[in-house]
Protein backbone atom coordinates (compact mmCIF):
# COMPACT_ATOMS: atom_id res chain seq x y z
CA UNK A 1 101.77 166.94 89.41
CA UNK A 2 104.81 167.14 87.13
CA UNK A 3 103.40 164.34 84.97
CA UNK A 4 100.17 166.31 84.46
CA UNK A 5 102.19 169.16 82.93
CA UNK A 6 103.78 166.84 80.37
CA UNK A 7 100.66 166.32 78.31
CA UNK A 8 101.57 165.90 74.63
CA UNK A 9 98.23 167.28 73.46
CA UNK A 10 97.67 170.96 72.91
CA UNK A 11 94.77 171.92 75.12
CA UNK A 12 94.38 175.17 73.26
CA UNK A 13 93.70 173.36 69.98
CA UNK A 14 91.21 171.05 71.66
CA UNK A 15 89.30 173.97 73.15
CA UNK A 16 89.40 175.88 69.86
CA UNK A 17 87.92 172.90 68.01
CA UNK A 18 85.29 172.50 70.72
CA UNK A 19 84.43 176.19 70.48
CA UNK A 20 84.09 176.00 66.69
CA UNK A 21 81.84 172.94 67.00
CA UNK A 22 79.66 174.77 69.52
CA UNK A 23 79.44 177.82 67.28
CA UNK A 24 78.47 175.62 64.32
CA UNK A 25 75.73 174.01 66.41
CA UNK A 26 74.50 177.45 67.49
CA UNK A 27 74.38 178.63 63.87
CA UNK A 28 72.36 175.57 62.83
CA UNK A 29 69.94 176.18 65.69
CA UNK A 30 69.74 179.86 64.77
CA UNK A 31 68.68 179.08 61.20
CA UNK A 32 66.05 176.61 62.46
CA UNK A 33 64.85 179.33 64.85
CA UNK A 34 64.53 181.81 61.96
CA UNK A 35 62.50 179.29 59.95
CA UNK A 36 60.21 178.76 62.94
CA UNK A 37 59.74 182.53 63.33
CA UNK A 38 58.69 182.80 59.69
CA UNK A 39 56.32 179.86 60.11
CA UNK A 40 54.77 181.32 63.32
CA UNK A 41 54.65 184.85 61.92
CA UNK A 42 56.42 186.75 64.71
CA UNK A 43 59.94 187.23 66.10
CA UNK A 44 61.38 186.46 69.51
CA UNK A 45 64.95 186.36 70.78
CA UNK A 46 66.58 183.00 70.63
CA UNK A 47 68.27 182.05 73.89
CA UNK A 48 71.23 180.61 71.96
CA UNK A 49 71.83 184.02 70.37
CA UNK A 50 72.16 185.73 73.75
CA UNK A 51 74.35 182.83 74.88
CA UNK A 52 76.57 183.33 71.83
CA UNK A 53 76.94 187.03 72.68
CA UNK A 54 77.96 186.06 76.22
CA UNK A 55 80.47 183.52 74.93
CA UNK A 56 82.01 186.11 72.61
CA UNK A 57 82.20 188.64 75.46
CA UNK A 58 83.75 186.03 77.76
CA UNK A 59 86.25 185.08 75.09
CA UNK A 60 87.35 188.69 74.54
CA UNK A 61 87.62 189.36 78.27
CA UNK A 62 89.69 186.25 78.94
CA UNK A 63 91.87 186.20 75.84
CA UNK A 64 94.81 187.60 77.80
CA UNK A 65 94.57 184.84 80.41
CA UNK A 66 94.31 182.15 77.76
CA UNK A 67 97.27 183.67 75.89
CA UNK A 68 99.43 183.41 79.02
CA UNK A 69 99.03 179.64 78.97
CA UNK A 70 99.95 179.22 75.35
CA UNK A 71 103.74 179.41 75.89
CA UNK A 72 103.80 176.92 78.81
CA UNK A 73 101.60 174.53 76.84
CA UNK A 74 103.93 174.76 73.84
CA UNK A 75 106.97 174.25 76.10
CA UNK A 76 105.34 171.17 77.60
CA UNK A 77 104.66 169.80 74.14
CA UNK A 78 108.28 170.46 73.09
CA UNK A 79 109.57 168.79 76.27
CA UNK A 80 107.41 165.72 75.67
CA UNK A 81 108.59 165.54 72.06
CA UNK A 82 112.22 165.77 73.13
CA UNK A 83 111.74 163.13 75.84
CA UNK A 84 110.04 160.85 73.32
CA UNK A 85 112.87 161.45 70.87
CA UNK A 86 115.48 160.63 73.53
CA UNK A 87 113.61 157.47 74.54
CA UNK A 88 113.40 156.41 70.88
CA UNK A 89 117.07 157.20 70.39
CA UNK A 90 117.97 155.00 73.36
CA UNK A 91 115.81 152.15 72.03
CA UNK A 92 117.51 152.38 68.63
CA UNK A 93 120.96 152.42 70.22
CA UNK A 94 120.11 149.35 72.33
CA UNK A 95 118.68 147.54 69.30
CA UNK A 96 121.81 148.38 67.27
CA UNK A 97 124.08 147.10 70.05
CA UNK A 98 122.01 143.93 70.39
CA UNK A 99 122.12 143.36 66.63
CA UNK A 100 125.90 143.85 66.61
CA UNK A 101 126.30 141.26 69.38
CA UNK A 102 123.91 138.72 67.87
CA UNK A 103 125.08 139.07 64.26
CA UNK A 104 128.75 140.11 64.31
CA UNK A 105 129.39 138.42 60.96
CA UNK A 106 127.07 140.79 59.05
CA UNK A 107 129.08 143.55 57.42
CA UNK A 108 128.32 146.61 55.34
CA UNK A 109 128.31 146.24 51.55
CA UNK A 110 131.80 146.73 50.08
CA UNK A 111 130.80 149.72 47.92
CA UNK A 112 129.74 151.81 50.95
CA UNK A 113 132.14 154.17 52.60
CA UNK A 114 132.54 153.12 56.25
CA UNK A 115 131.20 155.43 58.94
CA UNK A 116 133.62 156.13 61.77
CA UNK A 117 131.33 156.02 64.80
CA UNK A 118 128.04 154.54 65.88
CA UNK A 119 126.81 158.08 66.63
CA UNK A 120 127.36 159.09 63.02
CA UNK A 121 125.46 156.03 61.82
CA UNK A 122 122.63 156.82 64.20
CA UNK A 123 122.64 160.43 63.05
CA UNK A 124 122.45 159.32 59.42
CA UNK A 125 119.60 156.87 60.07
CA UNK A 126 117.57 159.41 62.05
CA UNK A 127 118.20 162.15 59.49
CA UNK A 128 116.93 159.93 56.69
CA UNK A 129 113.93 158.92 58.76
CA UNK A 130 113.05 162.54 59.53
CA UNK A 131 113.43 163.54 55.88
CA UNK A 132 110.96 160.76 55.10
CA UNK A 133 108.59 162.02 57.84
CA UNK A 134 108.89 165.56 56.54
CA UNK A 135 107.70 164.42 53.13
CA UNK A 136 104.94 162.31 54.68
CA UNK A 137 103.72 165.00 57.13
CA UNK A 138 104.55 168.41 55.62
CA UNK A 139 102.43 170.33 58.14
CA UNK A 140 104.55 169.06 61.03
CA UNK A 141 107.71 170.57 59.51
CA UNK A 142 108.63 172.78 62.49
CA UNK A 143 108.77 169.85 64.90
CA UNK A 144 110.67 167.78 62.38
CA UNK A 145 113.17 170.60 61.80
CA UNK A 146 113.62 170.83 65.58
CA UNK A 147 114.35 167.10 65.73
CA UNK A 148 116.77 167.34 62.79
CA UNK A 149 118.69 170.10 64.59
CA UNK A 150 118.81 167.90 67.67
CA UNK A 151 120.20 165.02 65.61
CA UNK A 152 122.83 167.21 63.98
CA UNK A 153 123.99 168.29 67.44
CA UNK A 154 124.59 164.63 68.39
CA UNK A 155 127.66 164.15 66.22
């Protein structure tokens, strides 16, 4: 049950997209219905129109319930992101340790200032990577800023 709560996808966004797609389909059907009315020469209520009214009514009535789930969903997403970050951090640390053991003769270039600890090096690498991601995915900036704060707290 706990694993079901750690879904990295925002259900709210999925349902919103689905709702917009349904509304678009209803609008297309509505315009075809209007054309058919003109062609036949009389008007009748389209069942999709009454369905759309019911959907809108349902949406307004249940907006409070849906809103209550938005914070837990966001928390779940944040938890999954943090767990993924921690798992990635551990993989990078293991890879760095393995590289140090396998290639002890490789040294930093002489013109670089040495970094005191492995944590500081890791922090630097992740910070640079996240800056790169921030430029690549500007709309994801809040999650990236959250990860940068997490990295800064490592040192």
